[in-house]
Amino acid sequence: MSKIADAIREKLLAEYKPQYDALVQQANAKLTRDLGNGFKSQGNFTAANIDKIILLKDNIEIIAKATGTLRVVYTP
């Protein structure tokens, strides 16, 4: 990756860590929920990494890849 992309990545990690953590918590909360009829999803992100950073004319696009687990549980 280029030096510019590395610098952007470091800046994002340093300045936006609280927002990143909150976003991961929100995603986990949406993954763990009642699906109805005895089914429940249980999900947890274990990591999210920046895959690509694209500098556009008017903004920046950040593409991330997330890994984790998702289970669907049935309880009669």
N, C-alpha and C. Protein backbone atom coordinates (compact mmCIF):
# COMPACT_ATOMS: atom_id res chain seq x y z
N MET A 1 0.85 -1.17 0.00
CA MET A 1 0.00 0.00 0.00
C MET A 1 0.90 1.24 0.00
N SER A 2 0.41 2.33 -0.52
CA SER A 2 1.21 3.54 -0.63
C SER A 2 1.39 4.23 0.72
N LYS A 3 2.35 5.13 0.77
CA LYS A 3 2.60 5.88 2.01
C LYS A 3 1.40 6.75 2.38
N ILE A 4 0.72 7.28 1.38
CA ILE A 4 -0.45 8.12 1.64
C ILE A 4 -1.56 7.28 2.29
N ALA A 5 -1.81 6.11 1.72
CA ALA A 5 -2.84 5.23 2.27
C ALA A 5 -2.47 4.79 3.68
N ASP A 6 -1.20 4.49 3.91
CA ASP A 6 -0.76 4.11 5.26
C ASP A 6 -0.96 5.25 6.25
N ALA A 7 -0.67 6.46 5.83
CA ALA A 7 -0.86 7.62 6.70
C ALA A 7 -2.34 7.84 7.02
N ILE A 8 -3.19 7.67 6.01
CA ILE A 8 -4.64 7.82 6.22
C ILE A 8 -5.13 6.74 7.18
N ARG A 9 -4.68 5.53 7.00
CA ARG A 9 -5.08 4.42 7.87
C ARG A 9 -4.69 4.71 9.32
N GLU A 10 -3.46 5.16 9.54
CA GLU A 10 -3.01 5.47 10.89
C GLU A 10 -3.82 6.62 11.51
N LYS A 11 -4.11 7.63 10.71
CA LYS A 11 -4.91 8.77 11.18
C LYS A 11 -6.32 8.32 11.56
N LEU A 12 -6.93 7.49 10.71
CA LEU A 12 -8.27 6.98 11.00
C LEU A 12 -8.29 6.15 12.28
N LEU A 13 -7.30 5.29 12.43
CA LEU A 13 -7.25 4.44 13.62
C LEU A 13 -7.05 5.27 14.88
N ALA A 14 -6.23 6.29 14.80
CA ALA A 14 -5.94 7.11 15.97
C ALA A 14 -7.11 8.00 16.36
N GLU A 15 -7.73 8.64 15.39
CA GLU A 15 -8.76 9.64 15.67
C GLU A 15 -10.17 9.08 15.79
N TYR A 16 -10.43 7.97 15.14
CA TYR A 16 -11.80 7.47 15.08
C TYR A 16 -11.99 6.14 15.81
N LYS A 17 -11.08 5.78 16.71
CA LYS A 17 -11.20 4.53 17.46
C LYS A 17 -12.50 4.46 18.26
N PRO A 18 -12.89 5.51 19.00
CA PRO A 18 -14.17 5.43 19.73
C PRO A 18 -15.37 5.23 18.80
N GLN A 19 -15.38 5.91 17.67
CA GLN A 19 -16.48 5.75 16.72
C GLN A 19 -16.45 4.36 16.10
N TYR A 20 -15.27 3.84 15.81
CA TYR A 20 -15.12 2.50 15.27
C TYR A 20 -15.67 1.47 16.26
N ASP A 21 -15.28 1.60 17.53
CA ASP A 21 -15.75 0.67 18.55
C ASP A 21 -17.27 0.73 18.70
N ALA A 22 -17.84 1.94 18.65
CA ALA A 22 -19.29 2.09 18.76
C ALA A 22 -19.99 1.46 17.56
N LEU A 23 -19.42 1.62 16.38
CA LEU A 23 -20.00 1.03 15.17
C LEU A 23 -19.99 -0.49 15.24
N VAL A 24 -18.91 -1.08 15.73
CA VAL A 24 -18.83 -2.53 15.87
C VAL A 24 -19.87 -3.01 16.90
N GLN A 25 -20.03 -2.27 18.00
CA GLN A 25 -21.04 -2.64 19.00
C GLN A 25 -22.45 -2.58 18.41
N GLN A 26 -22.73 -1.56 17.62
CA GLN A 26 -24.05 -1.43 16.99
C GLN A 26 -24.29 -2.59 16.03
N ALA A 27 -23.28 -2.95 15.26
CA ALA A 27 -23.42 -4.07 14.33
C ALA A 27 -23.66 -5.37 15.08
N ASN A 28 -22.93 -5.58 16.17
CA ASN A 28 -23.12 -6.79 16.98
C ASN A 28 -24.53 -6.83 17.56
N ALA A 29 -25.04 -5.70 18.00
CA ALA A 29 -26.39 -5.65 18.56
C ALA A 29 -27.44 -6.01 17.50
N LYS A 30 -27.21 -5.60 16.27
CA LYS A 30 -28.16 -5.93 15.20
C LYS A 30 -28.05 -7.39 14.77
N LEU A 31 -26.88 -7.97 14.94
CA LEU A 31 -26.70 -9.38 14.59
C LEU A 31 -27.33 -10.31 15.62
N THR A 32 -27.38 -9.88 16.88
CA THR A 32 -27.94 -10.70 17.94
C THR A 32 -29.35 -10.20 18.23
N ARG A 33 -30.33 -10.97 17.72
CA ARG A 33 -31.72 -10.54 17.88
C ARG A 33 -32.67 -11.71 17.68
N ASP A 34 -33.90 -11.50 18.10
CA ASP A 34 -34.96 -12.49 17.94
C ASP A 34 -35.45 -12.46 16.50
N LEU A 35 -35.54 -13.63 15.89
CA LEU A 35 -36.02 -13.74 14.51
C LEU A 35 -37.47 -14.19 14.44
N GLY A 36 -38.04 -14.57 15.59
CA GLY A 36 -39.43 -15.03 15.62
C GLY A 36 -39.54 -16.53 15.46
N ASN A 37 -40.68 -17.07 15.86
CA ASN A 37 -40.99 -18.50 15.75
C ASN A 37 -39.93 -19.39 16.40
N GLY A 38 -39.32 -18.91 17.49
CA GLY A 38 -38.33 -19.71 18.21
C GLY A 38 -36.90 -19.56 17.71
N PHE A 39 -36.68 -18.80 16.66
CA PHE A 39 -35.35 -18.61 16.11
C PHE A 39 -34.73 -17.32 16.64
N LYS A 40 -33.43 -17.39 16.87
CA LYS A 40 -32.68 -16.22 17.31
C LYS A 40 -31.32 -16.22 16.63
N SER A 41 -30.87 -15.07 16.17
CA SER A 41 -29.53 -14.98 15.60
C SER A 41 -28.59 -14.47 16.68
N GLN A 42 -27.39 -15.03 16.70
CA GLN A 42 -26.35 -14.61 17.63
C GLN A 42 -25.10 -14.34 16.82
N GLY A 43 -24.73 -13.07 16.75
CA GLY A 43 -23.59 -12.69 15.93
C GLY A 43 -22.59 -11.87 16.70
N ASN A 44 -21.34 -11.95 16.24
CA ASN A 44 -20.28 -11.19 16.87
C ASN A 44 -19.17 -10.93 15.86
N PHE A 45 -18.86 -9.66 15.65
CA PHE A 45 -17.71 -9.32 14.82
C PHE A 45 -16.45 -9.50 15.65
N THR A 46 -15.47 -10.19 15.11
CA THR A 46 -14.20 -10.35 15.81
C THR A 46 -13.16 -9.37 15.29
N ALA A 47 -13.33 -8.90 14.05
CA ALA A 47 -12.39 -7.94 13.49
C ALA A 47 -13.02 -7.25 12.28
N ALA A 48 -12.58 -6.05 12.06
CA ALA A 48 -12.95 -5.31 10.86
C ALA A 48 -11.70 -4.58 10.41
N ASN A 49 -11.31 -4.81 9.18
CA ASN A 49 -10.08 -4.22 8.66
C ASN A 49 -10.37 -3.37 7.43
N ILE A 50 -9.61 -2.32 7.29
CA ILE A 50 -9.73 -1.48 6.10
C ILE A 50 -9.09 -2.23 4.94
N ASP A 51 -9.89 -2.49 3.91
CA ASP A 51 -9.42 -3.24 2.74
C ASP A 51 -8.89 -2.31 1.67
N LYS A 52 -9.59 -1.19 1.47
CA LYS A 52 -9.21 -0.28 0.40
C LYS A 52 -9.66 1.13 0.76
N ILE A 53 -8.84 2.09 0.38
CA ILE A 53 -9.19 3.51 0.56
C ILE A 53 -9.15 4.15 -0.82
N ILE A 54 -10.26 4.78 -1.19
CA ILE A 54 -10.34 5.41 -2.51
C ILE A 54 -10.58 6.91 -2.31
N LEU A 55 -9.67 7.70 -2.82
CA LEU A 55 -9.82 9.15 -2.75
C LEU A 55 -10.61 9.61 -3.97
N LEU A 56 -11.79 10.15 -3.73
CA LEU A 56 -12.66 10.65 -4.79
C LEU A 56 -12.57 12.16 -4.85
N LYS A 57 -13.19 12.76 -5.84
CA LYS A 57 -13.12 14.21 -6.02
C LYS A 57 -13.67 14.96 -4.81
N ASP A 58 -14.82 14.54 -4.31
CA ASP A 58 -15.49 15.27 -3.24
C ASP A 58 -15.46 14.59 -1.88
N ASN A 59 -14.98 13.35 -1.80
CA ASN A 59 -14.97 12.64 -0.53
C ASN A 59 -13.98 11.49 -0.57
N ILE A 60 -14.02 10.69 0.46
CA ILE A 60 -13.16 9.52 0.55
C ILE A 60 -14.05 8.30 0.76
N GLU A 61 -13.73 7.22 0.09
CA GLU A 61 -14.49 5.97 0.24
C GLU A 61 -13.59 4.96 0.93
N ILE A 62 -14.09 4.38 2.01
CA ILE A 62 -13.34 3.38 2.76
C ILE A 62 -14.10 2.07 2.68
N ILE A 63 -13.43 1.05 2.18
CA ILE A 63 -14.03 -0.27 2.04
C ILE A 63 -13.41 -1.16 3.12
N ALA A 64 -14.28 -1.72 3.97
CA ALA A 64 -13.81 -2.55 5.07
C ALA A 64 -14.32 -3.98 4.92
N LYS A 65 -13.54 -4.91 5.42
CA LYS A 65 -13.96 -6.31 5.48
C LYS A 65 -14.08 -6.69 6.94
N ALA A 66 -15.20 -7.31 7.26
CA ALA A 66 -15.46 -7.72 8.64
C ALA A 66 -15.45 -9.24 8.74
N THR A 67 -14.95 -9.74 9.85
CA THR A 67 -14.98 -11.17 10.11
C THR A 67 -15.63 -11.41 11.48
N GLY A 68 -16.19 -12.56 11.64
CA GLY A 68 -16.83 -12.90 12.90
C GLY A 68 -17.64 -14.15 12.77
N THR A 69 -18.60 -14.29 13.66
CA THR A 69 -19.46 -15.47 13.66
C THR A 69 -20.92 -15.06 13.66
N LEU A 70 -21.73 -15.90 13.07
CA LEU A 70 -23.17 -15.71 13.09
C LEU A 70 -23.80 -17.09 13.23
N ARG A 71 -24.61 -17.25 14.28
CA ARG A 71 -25.31 -18.51 14.51
C ARG A 71 -26.80 -18.24 14.53
N VAL A 72 -27.55 -19.17 14.01
CA VAL A 72 -29.00 -19.12 14.12
C VAL A 72 -29.39 -20.27 15.04
N VAL A 73 -30.06 -19.92 16.15
CA VAL A 73 -30.42 -20.89 17.18
C VAL A 73 -31.93 -21.04 17.21
N TYR A 74 -32.37 -22.29 17.31
CA TYR A 74 -33.80 -22.56 17.43
C TYR A 74 -34.08 -23.12 18.82
N THR A 75 -35.01 -22.52 19.53
CA THR A 75 -35.45 -23.00 20.83
C THR A 75 -36.95 -23.20 20.79
N PRO A 76 -37.39 -24.46 20.82
CA PRO A 76 -38.84 -24.71 20.73
C PRO A 76 -39.61 -24.20 21.94
